[in-house]
Amino acid sequence: MTIYIVDIEAVDTRYTKQWKEYLPNQMQRATNEEVKVISGGEVPQATTPGAFLNFGGTNVYKSNQLQQIATMFCKGQINDGDYFLYTDAWNPTVIQLKYMASLLKKDIILGGLWHAGSYDPQDFLGRLIGDADWVRNAEQSMYDCYDDNFFATKFHLELFSKSFRISENKNHIVGWPMEYLHNSLAQYKGMEKKNVILFPHRIAPEKQVEIFKDLSQQLPQYEFVVCQERELTKNEYHNLLGEAKLVFSANLQETLGISWYEGALVDAIPMVPDRLSYSEMAQPEFKYKSEWTEDYDSYLLHRDKVVKQIIEYMENYEDFLPSISKQVSKLNKHFFSGKKLYRVIADGE
């Protein structure tokens, strides 16, 4: 079996850049199979404002991937039993791949990692396109093409299942293959902590940065940093994480959440709402009531409670270190390891 990774384009400041470097090696070591990456080449590093990708560049990238896959079929290079893993399941080329494999009688296996889509009302597709027939039918078709549909959390699979016809034997809750983070961030652990509070998310409506900025006015004794406003390199961002005492979230969309895990790895307290994927992932000590930040008006109603909780974390930072350690252990084992993913692929389930 050859495992073909049909990857997601790499943006230098996102985890997609690290997946380019680490995922093929992790996959090869875990499965002992030949692993090949199908890349779409270079893409614009500037994402569409507020988005995860560049909406034009991503289609250039995917089209280049499709051309390579079709050429391999034309040359007879695809064999029965080969596995195609799409690291972003929202990739329409999987329909064309399924078309070629079916008509050319190639018994291959397809897997896709779901991140977001129109079924999430807080996602770009959900906000701007919603439940338009074309997008919902496309997503259902992509889901049906995959033999293995991978979700990082139970929350995400439940969200997905509200909009689509699903088959239980096609779904796998596996976490994401990000075990490399523990070692890559080790050098930033133990840095001298400062009274810094970070907003590490994209500046997008579903992240509610306006709440964070209002909190900075309420608590001038602390330094509040919106990371994306500083256009940091990955190293600069990690240094800032190492100095921070607190990572704050008021997110309305989250199917996993990487930045709060990165913060916890370097002993930054995660402060997250008890909703979305956070509910199943976070220790009780780090979850606040969802109603406190369900929207800006709700935040204003509960602002004194949010402020009080931040002060509790910041002024008693050392007391929370044992709980951060427990949080990291839970996340390492269940949510940021590729072991379950590799097992599904190796077993050909």
Protein backbone atom coordinates (compact mmCIF):
# COMPACT_ATOMS: atom_id res chain seq x y z
CA MET A 1 0.00 0.00 0.00
CA THR A 2 1.09 3.52 -0.80
CA ILE A 3 -0.38 6.30 1.34
CA TYR A 4 -0.90 9.48 -0.64
CA ILE A 5 -1.31 12.59 1.49
CA VAL A 6 -3.37 15.14 -0.46
CA ASP A 7 -2.36 17.99 1.75
CA ILE A 8 -3.75 21.39 2.65
CA GLU A 9 -1.77 24.40 1.50
CA ALA A 10 0.82 25.63 3.97
CA VAL A 11 0.51 29.09 5.50
CA ASP A 12 3.71 29.91 7.39
CA THR A 13 1.93 31.15 10.52
CA ARG A 14 -0.54 28.23 10.71
CA TYR A 15 -0.21 24.59 11.73
CA THR A 16 -0.57 23.68 8.05
CA LYS A 17 3.10 24.60 7.59
CA GLN A 18 4.08 22.17 10.35
CA TRP A 19 1.95 19.42 8.84
CA LYS A 20 4.00 19.74 5.64
CA GLU A 21 7.12 18.97 7.64
CA TYR A 22 5.99 16.48 10.26
CA LEU A 23 2.94 14.54 9.07
CA PRO A 24 4.54 12.43 6.29
CA ASN A 25 7.31 11.29 8.65
CA GLN A 26 4.89 10.56 11.48
CA MET A 27 2.67 8.60 9.12
CA GLN A 28 5.54 6.56 7.70
CA ARG A 29 6.92 5.64 11.14
CA ALA A 30 3.49 4.64 12.44
CA THR A 31 2.36 2.55 9.45
CA ASN A 32 5.65 1.32 7.92
CA GLU A 33 4.11 2.08 4.53
CA GLU A 34 5.42 4.22 1.69
CA VAL A 35 4.08 7.76 2.06
CA LYS A 36 3.93 10.27 -0.78
CA VAL A 37 2.69 13.85 -0.61
CA ILE A 38 0.60 15.39 -3.39
CA SER A 39 1.22 19.12 -3.06
CA GLY A 40 -0.38 21.89 -5.04
CA GLY A 41 2.73 24.07 -5.06
CA GLU A 42 3.14 27.60 -3.77
CA VAL A 43 0.18 29.72 -2.72
CA PRO A 44 -0.33 33.31 -1.57
CA GLN A 45 0.66 33.60 2.10
CA ALA A 46 -1.92 36.34 2.67
CA THR A 47 -5.19 34.67 3.62
CA THR A 48 -8.54 36.22 2.82
CA PRO A 49 -9.16 38.62 5.77
CA GLY A 50 -10.55 36.72 8.74
CA ALA A 51 -10.30 33.39 6.95
CA PHE A 52 -8.10 30.32 7.27
CA LEU A 53 -7.17 30.23 3.57
CA ASN A 54 -6.91 32.43 0.51
CA PHE A 55 -10.21 31.81 -1.28
CA GLY A 56 -8.65 32.15 -4.72
CA GLY A 57 -5.31 30.52 -4.00
CA THR A 58 -6.85 27.43 -2.44
CA ASN A 59 -8.56 26.57 -5.71
CA VAL A 60 -5.34 26.98 -7.68
CA TYR A 61 -3.71 24.64 -5.18
CA LYS A 62 -6.44 22.00 -5.37
CA SER A 63 -6.51 22.14 -9.16
CA ASN A 64 -2.78 21.43 -9.27
CA GLN A 65 -3.31 18.45 -6.98
CA LEU A 66 -6.05 17.09 -9.21
CA GLN A 67 -3.85 17.35 -12.28
CA GLN A 68 -1.17 15.26 -10.58
CA ILE A 69 -3.67 12.63 -9.41
CA ALA A 70 -5.26 12.34 -12.86
CA THR A 71 -1.83 12.01 -14.47
CA MET A 72 -0.98 9.13 -12.12
CA PHE A 73 -4.16 7.36 -13.17
CA CYS A 74 -3.32 7.92 -16.83
CA LYS A 75 0.14 6.40 -16.30
CA GLY A 76 -1.22 3.40 -14.39
CA GLN A 77 0.60 4.32 -11.20
CA ILE A 78 -2.37 3.84 -8.85
CA ASN A 79 -2.78 0.36 -7.38
CA ASP A 80 -5.49 -1.51 -5.51
CA GLY A 81 -5.19 -0.91 -1.76
CA ASP A 82 -3.60 2.52 -2.06
CA TYR A 83 -4.84 5.04 0.50
CA PHE A 84 -5.56 8.71 -0.29
CA LEU A 85 -5.68 10.89 2.83
CA TYR A 86 -7.04 14.40 2.35
CA THR A 87 -5.82 16.54 5.24
CA ASP A 88 -8.73 18.87 4.51
CA ALA A 89 -11.84 16.85 3.64
CA TRP A 90 -13.48 19.96 2.12
CA ASN A 91 -11.77 19.37 -1.21
CA PRO A 92 -14.01 18.89 -4.27
CA THR A 93 -11.26 16.98 -6.10
CA VAL A 94 -12.17 13.93 -4.04
CA ILE A 95 -15.29 13.63 -6.20
CA GLN A 96 -13.14 13.52 -9.32
CA LEU A 97 -10.78 11.03 -7.67
CA LYS A 98 -13.74 8.80 -6.80
CA TYR A 99 -14.93 9.12 -10.42
CA MET A 100 -11.60 7.92 -11.82
CA ALA A 101 -11.18 5.09 -9.31
CA SER A 102 -14.70 3.81 -9.88
CA LEU A 103 -14.57 3.85 -13.68
CA LEU A 104 -11.04 2.45 -13.86
CA LYS A 105 -11.87 -0.27 -11.31
CA LYS A 106 -9.18 0.73 -8.82
CA ASP A 107 -10.00 -0.48 -5.30
CA ILE A 108 -8.48 2.40 -3.38
CA ILE A 109 -9.41 3.79 0.05
CA LEU A 110 -10.23 7.45 0.69
CA GLY A 111 -10.00 9.32 3.98
CA GLY A 112 -10.60 12.96 4.85
CA LEU A 113 -10.03 15.18 7.88
CA TRP A 114 -13.01 17.49 8.44
CA HIS A 115 -12.27 20.97 9.78
CA ALA A 116 -15.35 23.08 8.98
CA GLY A 117 -18.01 23.80 6.40
CA SER A 118 -21.40 25.33 5.72
CA TYR A 119 -22.93 23.13 8.42
CA ASP A 120 -21.24 25.33 11.04
CA PRO A 121 -23.19 28.61 11.17
CA GLN A 122 -20.11 30.42 12.48
CA ASP A 123 -17.83 29.29 9.64
CA PHE A 124 -17.25 31.52 6.61
CA LEU A 125 -19.30 29.15 4.45
CA GLY A 126 -22.02 28.98 7.08
CA ARG A 127 -22.22 32.76 7.44
CA LEU A 128 -21.99 33.76 3.79
CA ILE A 129 -23.60 30.81 1.99
CA GLY A 130 -25.50 28.93 4.68
CA ASP A 131 -27.67 26.01 3.64
CA ALA A 132 -27.72 26.72 -0.09
CA ASP A 133 -28.45 23.51 -1.95
CA TRP A 134 -25.24 23.54 -3.95
CA VAL A 135 -22.94 23.66 -0.93
CA ARG A 136 -24.90 21.20 1.22
CA ASN A 137 -25.15 18.71 -1.65
CA ALA A 138 -21.44 19.14 -2.37
CA GLU A 139 -20.51 18.47 1.26
CA GLN A 140 -22.78 15.43 1.41
CA SER A 141 -21.16 14.12 -1.78
CA MET A 142 -17.65 14.65 -0.42
CA TYR A 143 -18.61 12.86 2.78
CA ASP A 144 -20.01 9.95 0.76
CA CYS A 145 -16.82 9.70 -1.31
CA TYR A 146 -14.70 9.06 1.77
CA ASP A 147 -14.47 5.60 3.24
CA ASP A 148 -13.10 7.18 6.41
CA ASN A 149 -14.38 10.54 7.66
CA PHE A 150 -12.15 11.81 10.44
CA PHE A 151 -13.22 14.28 13.12
CA ALA A 152 -11.02 15.64 15.89
CA THR A 153 -13.75 15.80 18.52
CA LYS A 154 -17.11 14.33 19.42
CA PHE A 155 -18.57 17.84 19.26
CA HIS A 156 -17.57 18.22 15.61
CA LEU A 157 -19.09 14.92 14.53
CA GLU A 158 -22.33 15.77 16.33
CA LEU A 159 -22.42 19.18 14.65
CA PHE A 160 -21.83 17.59 11.25
CA SER A 161 -24.51 14.95 11.78
CA LYS A 162 -27.18 17.61 12.31
CA SER A 163 -26.98 18.58 8.64
CA PHE A 164 -26.13 15.40 6.78
CA ARG A 165 -27.01 11.77 6.23
CA ILE A 166 -24.16 9.88 7.85
CA SER A 167 -23.06 6.26 8.17
CA GLU A 168 -21.64 5.29 11.55
CA ASN A 169 -19.08 2.90 10.05
CA LYS A 170 -17.55 5.75 8.04
CA ASN A 171 -16.88 8.04 11.03
CA HIS A 172 -13.83 8.17 13.28
CA ILE A 173 -13.13 10.52 16.20
CA VAL A 174 -9.35 10.56 16.28
CA GLY A 175 -7.93 13.89 17.43
CA TRP A 176 -5.41 15.49 15.08
CA PRO A 177 -1.86 14.24 14.30
CA MET A 178 -0.02 16.98 16.14
CA GLU A 179 2.21 15.04 18.54
CA TYR A 180 5.17 17.05 17.25
CA LEU A 181 3.94 20.14 19.13
CA HIS A 182 4.99 18.82 22.52
CA ASN A 183 8.65 18.66 21.51
CA SER A 184 8.70 21.68 19.22
CA LEU A 185 7.42 23.95 22.00
CA ALA A 186 9.61 22.49 24.77
CA GLN A 187 12.20 25.25 24.41
CA TYR A 188 9.59 27.89 25.28
CA LYS A 189 8.51 26.20 28.50
CA GLY A 190 10.10 27.69 31.61
CA MET A 191 10.43 31.21 30.24
CA GLU A 192 9.95 34.07 32.71
CA LYS A 193 6.25 34.82 32.88
CA LYS A 194 4.89 38.35 32.51
CA ASN A 195 1.47 39.84 33.12
CA VAL A 196 0.53 39.16 29.51
CA ILE A 197 -2.84 37.89 28.27
CA LEU A 198 -3.09 36.64 24.69
CA PHE A 199 -5.81 36.52 22.08
CA PRO A 200 -4.22 33.95 19.70
CA HIS A 201 -7.15 33.53 17.32
CA ARG A 202 -7.95 34.85 13.87
CA ILE A 203 -9.58 38.27 13.81
CA ALA A 204 -12.98 37.09 12.64
CA PRO A 205 -16.57 37.61 13.86
CA GLU A 206 -16.81 34.16 15.42
CA LYS A 207 -13.77 34.86 17.61
CA GLN A 208 -15.29 37.98 19.26
CA VAL A 209 -12.12 40.03 19.54
CA GLU A 210 -14.23 43.02 20.67
CA ILE A 211 -14.74 41.29 24.01
CA PHE A 212 -11.00 40.91 24.47
CA LYS A 213 -10.40 44.57 23.63
CA ASP A 214 -13.02 45.71 26.11
CA LEU A 215 -11.38 43.58 28.79
CA SER A 216 -8.10 45.38 28.15
CA GLN A 217 -9.86 48.61 29.13
CA GLN A 218 -11.21 47.06 32.31
CA LEU A 219 -7.85 45.60 33.38
CA PRO A 220 -5.10 48.11 32.49
CA GLN A 221 -2.71 46.45 34.96
CA TYR A 222 -2.22 43.62 32.45
CA GLU A 223 -0.92 43.63 28.88
CA PHE A 224 -3.52 42.38 26.40
CA VAL A 225 -2.14 41.25 23.04
CA VAL A 226 -4.11 40.42 19.88
CA CYS A 227 -1.50 38.27 18.18
CA GLN A 228 -2.72 38.64 14.60
CA GLU A 229 -2.48 42.42 14.81
CA ARG A 230 1.27 42.11 15.31
CA GLU A 231 1.94 39.96 12.22
CA LEU A 232 4.24 37.71 14.24
CA THR A 233 6.50 35.02 12.86
CA LYS A 234 5.94 31.54 14.29
CA ASN A 235 8.99 31.92 16.53
CA GLU A 236 7.89 35.35 17.76
CA TYR A 237 4.44 33.96 18.49
CA HIS A 238 5.85 31.06 20.48
CA ASN A 239 8.08 33.40 22.46
CA LEU A 240 5.02 35.46 23.33
CA LEU A 241 3.20 32.30 24.41
CA GLY A 242 6.14 31.44 26.62
CA GLU A 243 5.90 34.81 28.37
CA ALA A 244 2.11 34.87 28.73
CA LYS A 245 0.25 33.82 31.85
CA LEU A 246 -3.15 33.51 30.20
CA VAL A 247 -4.69 32.58 26.83
CA PHE A 248 -8.26 33.84 26.46
CA SER A 249 -11.09 32.58 24.27
CA ALA A 250 -14.66 33.76 23.72
CA ASN A 251 -14.97 31.75 20.50
CA LEU A 252 -18.28 30.92 18.91
CA GLN A 253 -16.64 28.43 16.53
CA GLU A 254 -14.18 25.76 17.60
CA THR A 255 -14.06 22.12 16.59
CA LEU A 256 -10.69 21.49 18.25
CA GLY A 257 -8.67 24.58 19.21
CA ILE A 258 -4.90 24.49 18.85
CA SER A 259 -3.72 27.78 20.32
CA TRP A 260 -4.99 27.09 23.83
CA TYR A 261 -3.19 23.73 23.74
CA GLU A 262 0.01 25.44 22.59
CA GLY A 263 -0.39 27.87 25.48
CA ALA A 264 -0.90 25.08 28.01
CA LEU A 265 2.24 23.33 26.72
CA VAL A 266 4.27 26.35 27.85
CA ASP A 267 2.31 26.85 31.10
CA ALA A 268 -0.10 29.57 29.98
CA ILE A 269 -3.48 29.21 31.67
CA PRO A 270 -6.29 28.53 29.17
CA MET A 271 -9.52 30.45 29.87
CA VAL A 272 -12.22 29.02 27.61
CA PRO A 273 -16.03 28.99 27.48
CA ASP A 274 -17.93 25.84 28.39
CA ARG A 275 -19.21 25.26 24.85
CA LEU A 276 -18.16 23.83 21.48
CA SER A 277 -15.20 21.41 21.57
CA TYR A 278 -13.94 23.05 24.76
CA SER A 279 -16.66 21.33 26.79
CA GLU A 280 -15.22 17.87 26.23
CA MET A 281 -11.57 18.91 26.17
CA ALA A 282 -11.00 21.38 29.01
CA GLN A 283 -10.49 20.71 32.68
CA PRO A 284 -13.22 22.20 34.93
CA GLU A 285 -10.77 24.73 36.36
CA PHE A 286 -10.37 26.41 32.99
CA LYS A 287 -13.96 26.57 31.74
CA TYR A 288 -16.23 29.53 32.43
CA LYS A 289 -19.99 29.62 31.89
CA SER A 290 -20.91 29.85 28.23
CA GLU A 291 -23.51 32.55 28.85
CA TRP A 292 -20.81 34.98 29.93
CA THR A 293 -19.68 35.49 26.31
CA GLU A 294 -22.46 34.12 24.10
CA ASP A 295 -22.51 37.52 22.40
CA TYR A 296 -21.36 41.02 23.25
CA ASP A 297 -24.53 42.01 25.07
CA SER A 298 -24.31 38.89 27.20
CA TYR A 299 -20.69 39.69 27.91
CA LEU A 300 -21.59 43.19 29.12
CA LEU A 301 -24.19 41.67 31.42
CA HIS A 302 -21.60 39.29 32.91
CA ARG A 303 -18.46 41.38 32.47
CA ASP A 304 -17.77 41.63 36.21
CA LYS A 305 -17.61 37.84 36.43
CA VAL A 306 -15.20 37.58 33.49
CA VAL A 307 -12.99 40.29 34.99
CA LYS A 308 -13.02 38.60 38.38
CA GLN A 309 -12.01 35.26 36.86
CA ILE A 310 -9.12 36.81 34.94
CA ILE A 311 -7.83 38.46 38.11
CA GLU A 312 -8.08 35.12 39.92
CA TYR A 313 -5.96 33.43 37.27
CA MET A 314 -3.39 36.21 36.97
CA GLU A 315 -2.86 36.91 40.67
CA ASN A 316 -2.75 33.23 41.66
CA TYR A 317 -0.96 31.95 38.58
CA GLU A 318 1.37 29.55 40.41
CA ASP A 319 -1.56 27.77 42.05
CA PHE A 320 -2.86 26.66 38.65
CA LEU A 321 0.35 25.02 37.40
CA PRO A 322 -0.59 21.50 38.61
CA SER A 323 -3.94 21.77 36.82
CA ILE A 324 -2.22 22.93 33.62
CA SER A 325 -0.07 19.81 33.78
CA LYS A 326 -3.18 17.60 34.04
CA GLN A 327 -4.77 19.50 31.16
CA VAL A 328 -1.75 18.93 28.94
CA SER A 329 -1.74 15.21 29.72
CA LYS A 330 -5.40 14.91 28.72
CA LEU A 331 -4.90 16.83 25.49
CA ASN A 332 -1.74 14.92 24.58
CA LYS A 333 -3.46 11.57 24.96
CA HIS A 334 -6.89 12.16 23.46
CA PHE A 335 -6.82 15.15 21.11
CA PHE A 336 -3.33 15.94 19.78
CA SER A 337 -2.03 12.53 18.85
CA GLY A 338 -2.26 10.77 15.51
CA LYS A 339 -2.28 7.23 16.97
CA LYS A 340 -5.96 6.59 16.27
CA LEU A 341 -5.73 8.06 12.78
CA TYR A 342 -2.69 5.97 11.86
CA ARG A 343 -4.35 2.83 13.20
CA VAL A 344 -7.42 3.29 11.01
CA ILE A 345 -5.29 3.83 7.93
CA ALA A 346 -2.91 0.94 8.64
CA ASP A 347 -5.77 -1.46 9.30
CA GLY A 348 -7.62 -0.43 6.14
CA GLU A 349 -10.91 -0.11 8.01
